[in-house]
Protein backbone atom coordinates (compact mmCIF):
# COMPACT_ATOMS: atom_id res chain seq x y z
CA UNK A 1 138.73 143.75 20.18
CA UNK A 2 138.18 146.24 17.33
CA UNK A 3 140.73 146.56 14.53
CA UNK A 4 141.37 149.70 12.49
CA UNK A 5 143.16 149.14 9.18
CA UNK A 6 145.02 152.40 8.56
CA UNK A 7 145.95 151.76 4.92
CA UNK A 8 143.22 150.30 2.73
CA UNK A 9 142.51 151.10 -0.93
CA UNK A 10 139.12 149.54 -1.86
CA UNK A 11 138.15 148.25 -5.32
CA UNK A 12 135.86 151.15 -6.08
CA UNK A 13 135.63 154.34 -8.14
CA UNK A 14 138.91 156.09 -8.93
CA UNK A 15 141.03 153.47 -7.18
CA UNK A 16 140.34 151.05 -10.04
CA UNK A 17 142.28 153.30 -12.44
CA UNK A 18 145.37 153.50 -10.20
CA UNK A 19 148.38 151.28 -10.73
CA UNK A 20 147.55 148.94 -7.84
CA UNK A 21 144.42 147.79 -9.68
CA UNK A 22 145.20 148.55 -13.32
CA UNK A 23 148.50 146.61 -13.20
CA UNK A 24 147.23 143.44 -11.55
CA UNK A 25 150.28 141.35 -12.46
CA UNK A 26 152.65 143.72 -10.68
CA UNK A 27 150.38 143.95 -7.62
CA UNK A 28 149.93 140.19 -7.34
CA UNK A 29 153.68 139.69 -7.68
CA UNK A 30 154.17 141.86 -4.59
CA UNK A 31 151.42 139.96 -2.76
CA UNK A 32 153.05 136.59 -3.41
CA UNK A 33 156.54 137.86 -2.55
CA UNK A 34 155.09 138.81 0.85
CA UNK A 35 153.89 135.23 1.29
CA UNK A 36 150.18 135.72 0.58
CA UNK A 37 147.72 134.85 -2.16
CA UNK A 38 145.63 137.69 -3.63
CA UNK A 39 142.29 138.23 -1.95
CA UNK A 40 139.12 137.17 -3.75
CA UNK A 41 137.74 140.71 -3.46
CA UNK A 42 140.81 142.08 -5.21
CA UNK A 43 140.64 139.63 -8.09
CA UNK A 44 136.90 140.24 -8.54
CA UNK A 45 137.19 143.98 -7.82
CA UNK A 46 134.19 143.53 -5.54
CA UNK A 47 133.16 145.84 -2.70
CA UNK A 48 130.64 143.32 -1.28
CA UNK A 49 133.43 140.73 -1.04
CA UNK A 50 135.73 143.27 0.61
CA UNK A 51 133.12 144.01 3.28
CA UNK A 52 132.72 140.28 3.90
CA UNK A 53 136.50 139.92 4.23
CA UNK A 54 136.61 142.83 6.66
CA UNK A 55 133.93 141.18 8.81
CA UNK A 56 135.71 137.81 8.74
CA UNK A 57 139.03 139.45 9.72
CA UNK A 58 137.45 141.48 12.52
CA UNK A 59 138.36 144.80 10.91
CA UNK A 60 135.97 147.37 12.34
CA UNK A 61 137.04 150.36 10.25
CA UNK A 62 139.09 150.76 7.12
CA UNK A 63 141.00 153.99 6.52
CA UNK A 64 140.61 154.74 2.83
CA UNK A 65 143.77 156.54 1.72
CA UNK A 66 143.43 158.55 -1.46
CA UNK A 67 146.31 159.67 -3.63
CA UNK A 68 147.41 162.32 -6.08
CA UNK A 69 150.55 161.15 -7.88
CA UNK A 70 152.28 161.36 -11.23
CA UNK A 71 153.36 157.72 -11.47
CA UNK A 72 150.93 155.64 -9.40
CA UNK A 73 147.64 157.24 -10.38
CA UNK A 74 145.23 159.56 -8.62
CA UNK A 75 141.87 159.31 -6.88
CA UNK A 76 139.65 162.40 -6.66
CA UNK A 77 138.86 163.47 -3.13
CA UNK A 78 135.17 163.33 -4.07
CA UNK A 79 135.58 159.61 -4.78
CA UNK A 80 137.07 158.98 -1.34
CA UNK A 81 134.18 160.86 0.28
CA UNK A 82 131.65 158.93 -1.82
CA UNK A 83 133.10 155.56 -0.75
CA UNK A 84 132.77 156.62 2.88
CA UNK A 85 129.16 157.77 2.32
CA UNK A 86 128.18 154.61 0.42
CA UNK A 87 129.38 152.32 3.21
CA UNK A 88 128.16 154.02 6.37
CA UNK A 89 130.26 153.28 9.43
CA UNK A 90 132.84 151.09 7.70
CA UNK A 91 135.37 153.56 6.32
CA UNK A 92 137.13 156.78 7.28
CA UNK A 93 138.40 158.88 4.38
CA UNK A 94 141.82 160.44 3.87
CA UNK A 95 142.10 162.76 0.90
CA UNK A 96 145.19 163.87 -1.01
CA UNK A 97 146.85 166.96 -2.41
CA UNK A 98 149.16 167.90 -5.28
CA UNK A 99 152.62 168.52 -3.84
CA UNK A 100 153.92 170.19 -7.01
CA UNK A 101 151.69 173.28 -6.69
CA UNK A 102 151.36 174.83 -3.25
CA UNK A 103 148.28 176.88 -4.13
CA UNK A 104 146.49 173.88 -5.61
CA UNK A 105 147.62 171.82 -2.62
CA UNK A 106 146.06 174.28 -0.18
CA UNK A 107 142.84 174.30 -2.23
CA UNK A 108 142.74 170.48 -2.18
CA UNK A 109 143.40 170.40 1.56
CA UNK A 110 140.47 172.73 2.12
CA UNK A 111 138.40 170.55 -0.22
CA UNK A 112 139.21 167.59 2.02
CA UNK A 113 138.01 169.57 5.00
CA UNK A 114 134.72 170.45 3.26
CA UNK A 115 134.19 166.83 2.29
CA UNK A 116 134.66 165.67 5.88
CA UNK A 117 137.88 163.77 5.19
CA UNK A 118 139.99 163.23 8.28
CA UNK A 119 143.51 163.77 6.94
CA UNK A 120 145.49 164.50 3.79
CA UNK A 121 147.89 162.09 2.08
CA UNK A 122 151.04 163.42 0.38
CA UNK A 123 153.38 161.32 -1.78
CA UNK A 124 156.05 163.80 -2.91
CA UNK A 125 158.54 161.16 -4.05
CA UNK A 126 156.25 159.86 -6.81
CA UNK A 127 155.42 163.25 -8.31
CA UNK A 128 157.01 165.11 -11.23
CA UNK A 129 159.42 166.37 -10.14
CA UNK A 130 159.95 163.98 -7.22
CA UNK A 131 160.61 165.74 -3.92
CA UNK A 132 162.15 164.62 -0.64
CA UNK A 133 160.03 165.18 2.46
CA UNK A 134 162.18 168.10 3.61
CA UNK A 135 162.19 169.91 0.27
CA UNK A 136 161.52 173.58 1.02
CA UNK A 137 158.97 173.72 -1.80
CA UNK A 138 156.73 171.61 0.42
CA UNK A 139 157.03 173.84 3.48
CA UNK A 140 154.10 176.16 2.65
CA UNK A 141 151.90 173.06 2.46
CA UNK A 142 153.16 171.76 5.80
CA UNK A 143 152.72 175.19 7.37
CA UNK A 144 149.11 175.38 6.21
CA UNK A 145 148.38 171.95 7.67
CA UNK A 146 150.09 172.77 10.96
CA UNK A 147 148.31 176.12 11.25
CA UNK A 148 144.88 174.64 10.51
CA UNK A 149 145.29 171.39 12.48
CA UNK A 150 145.10 169.06 9.46
CA UNK A 151 147.08 165.83 10.06
CA UNK A 152 149.19 164.44 7.22
CA UNK A 153 149.96 160.99 5.89
CA UNK A 154 153.27 160.89 4.01
CA UNK A 155 154.44 157.85 2.09
CA UNK A 156 158.06 157.30 3.09
CA UNK A 157 159.02 153.66 2.65
CA UNK A 158 158.99 150.93 0.04
CA UNK A 159 158.77 152.37 -3.47
CA UNK A 160 158.15 155.99 -2.44
CA UNK A 161 160.39 157.53 -5.08
CA UNK A 162 162.69 156.93 -8.05
CA UNK A 163 165.50 155.80 -5.75
CA UNK A 164 165.92 154.77 -2.14
CA UNK A 165 166.88 158.25 -0.92
CA UNK A 166 163.21 159.24 -1.07
CA UNK A 167 162.52 156.87 1.82
CA UNK A 168 165.56 157.94 3.88
CA UNK A 169 164.45 159.01 7.40
CA UNK A 170 166.77 162.01 7.66
CA UNK A 171 164.46 163.95 5.34
CA UNK A 172 161.45 163.23 7.55
CA UNK A 173 163.43 164.03 10.70
CA UNK A 174 164.42 167.47 9.45
CA UNK A 175 160.87 168.29 8.38
CA UNK A 176 159.38 167.15 11.71
CA UNK A 177 161.87 169.31 13.59
CA UNK A 178 160.64 172.33 11.64
CA UNK A 179 156.95 171.50 12.24
CA UNK A 180 156.73 170.10 15.77
CA UNK A 181 152.97 170.61 16.03
CA UNK A 182 152.15 168.85 12.75
CA UNK A 183 150.83 165.31 13.19
CA UNK A 184 152.40 163.04 10.56
CA UNK A 185 151.70 159.38 9.82
CA UNK A 186 154.44 157.65 7.83
CA UNK A 187 152.89 154.97 5.64
CA UNK A 188 155.19 152.03 4.90
CA UNK A 189 156.95 152.94 8.15
CA UNK A 190 160.20 154.08 6.56
CA UNK A 191 161.07 150.54 5.44
CA UNK A 192 163.80 149.45 4.85
CA UNK A 193 165.40 152.12 7.08
CA UNK A 194 163.72 150.60 10.12
CA UNK A 195 166.22 151.38 12.89
CA UNK A 196 166.68 154.89 11.59
CA UNK A 197 162.95 155.63 11.27
CA UNK A 198 162.22 154.15 14.69
CA UNK A 199 164.86 156.50 16.10
CA UNK A 200 163.17 159.45 14.36
CA UNK A 201 159.88 158.49 16.02
CA UNK A 202 161.70 158.29 19.36
CA UNK A 203 162.89 161.88 18.82
CA UNK A 204 159.67 163.23 17.31
CA UNK A 205 156.45 162.51 19.26
CA UNK A 206 154.39 163.97 16.41
CA UNK A 207 155.38 161.06 14.13
CA UNK A 208 153.36 157.85 13.84
CA UNK A 209 154.59 154.82 11.89
CA UNK A 210 152.38 152.48 9.88
CA UNK A 211 154.69 149.75 8.55
CA UNK A 212 151.68 147.96 6.94
CA UNK A 213 152.84 145.49 4.26
CA UNK A 214 156.48 145.76 5.34
CA UNK A 215 155.98 144.65 8.93
CA UNK A 216 155.74 140.89 8.80
CA UNK A 217 158.54 138.44 7.89
CA UNK A 218 160.79 141.05 6.31
CA UNK A 219 164.17 142.42 7.41
CA UNK A 220 163.61 145.01 10.12
CA UNK A 221 160.61 143.26 11.66
CA UNK A 222 162.42 142.61 14.93
CA UNK A 223 163.25 146.30 15.28
CA UNK A 224 159.60 147.28 14.82
CA UNK A 225 158.56 144.68 17.40
CA UNK A 226 161.20 145.69 19.95
CA UNK A 227 160.09 149.30 19.61
CA UNK A 228 156.43 148.27 19.90
CA UNK A 229 157.15 146.48 23.16
CA UNK A 230 159.00 149.44 24.64
CA UNK A 231 158.84 153.13 23.78
CA UNK A 232 156.88 153.20 20.52
CA UNK A 233 153.58 151.47 21.36
CA UNK A 234 151.65 154.77 21.26
CA UNK A 235 153.10 155.76 17.85
CA UNK A 236 152.46 152.63 15.79
CA UNK A 237 149.42 151.95 13.60
CA UNK A 238 148.10 148.73 12.09
CA UNK A 239 147.65 148.58 8.33
CA UNK A 240 147.36 145.86 5.70
CA UNK A 241 148.14 147.96 2.60
CA UNK A 242 145.19 146.17 0.95
CA UNK A 243 144.98 145.25 -1.93
CA UNK A 244 148.61 144.15 -1.56
CA UNK A 245 147.82 142.01 1.50
CA UNK A 246 144.62 139.99 2.04
CA UNK A 247 142.87 141.05 5.23
CA UNK A 248 142.24 137.77 7.05
CA UNK A 249 145.65 136.18 6.49
CA UNK A 250 147.43 139.42 7.37
CA UNK A 251 145.49 139.83 10.63
CA UNK A 252 146.20 136.18 11.46
CA UNK A 253 149.95 136.68 11.00
CA UNK A 254 149.90 139.91 12.99
CA UNK A 255 148.21 138.18 15.92
CA UNK A 256 151.06 135.67 16.01
CA UNK A 257 153.71 138.36 16.47
CA UNK A 258 155.45 138.66 19.82
CA UNK A 259 153.77 141.89 20.92
CA UNK A 260 152.63 142.51 24.49
CA UNK A 261 148.86 142.71 24.93
CA UNK A 262 148.72 146.41 25.91
CA UNK A 263 150.92 147.35 22.94
CA UNK A 264 148.86 145.14 20.61
CA UNK A 265 145.70 147.01 21.58
CA UNK A 266 147.40 150.36 21.04
CA UNK A 267 148.55 149.36 17.55
CA UNK A 268 145.36 147.63 16.44
CA UNK A 269 142.91 150.35 17.42
CA UNK A 270 143.62 152.63 20.37
CA UNK A 271 146.12 154.89 18.56
CA UNK A 272 143.84 155.23 15.53
CA UNK A 273 140.89 155.85 17.84
CA UNK A 274 142.77 158.69 19.51
CA UNK A 275 143.97 160.22 16.21
CA UNK A 276 140.60 160.05 14.50
CA UNK A 277 138.22 160.31 17.46
CA UNK A 278 136.38 157.14 16.44
CA UNK A 279 134.75 156.57 19.87
CA UNK A 280 135.67 152.87 19.80
CA UNK A 281 136.64 152.71 23.49
């Protein structure tokens, strides 16, 4: 069975200057608090080791998620496209855009399109100024994406802002109501507001949740799993949040979760295959 990792930041190019690689002590602290040891590829900052770890874990494709932020670092969209080109068939690229300048954001979104990147990642809560997902200053950006059919990834969970309100699902719910034809993937799955974000996904079929590093052995896990085994199987995506979680051990833990086989297949690859037209079926 193929596996698509929907949140993977490889040790290459501009990613090495972002906080997740530049501040290794902070990253490894998160890894160990989640019950893992840092991956060898992370410690060595080695792409060949990462590819070996992907093969060993059975991860068919990695979704490389770029970023443009004020506090966590930025990765040029050209770097994301180059990583995809340098590793043919292994990665799908998601670019990013500056949420503080709507004209620059639109230009960056169109740049992503020219570079062949599949989606655009926005992280408004970690910009200057930080913005909630339903801030009206973001609406021209959302409207452009909806009008042009560009799906969005929005970080709304974990440390997605200066305080916990930037992960609160009500902001995402209001925005999704205003843009019902905009496909949105919520990275970090709205954690720790799990029940609330699951209810937003129940209301909004254009919302997909990728709980990634916050899925396993944390408060809220049972709510994700109950939703996966009932109404939400077609709106959940698998992700490791690498380099925070090592690939093999994370996949091993995921496979031990009490998820029905049809739902497991949807989460591991079928939903990503449908969103990205990967032709894995």
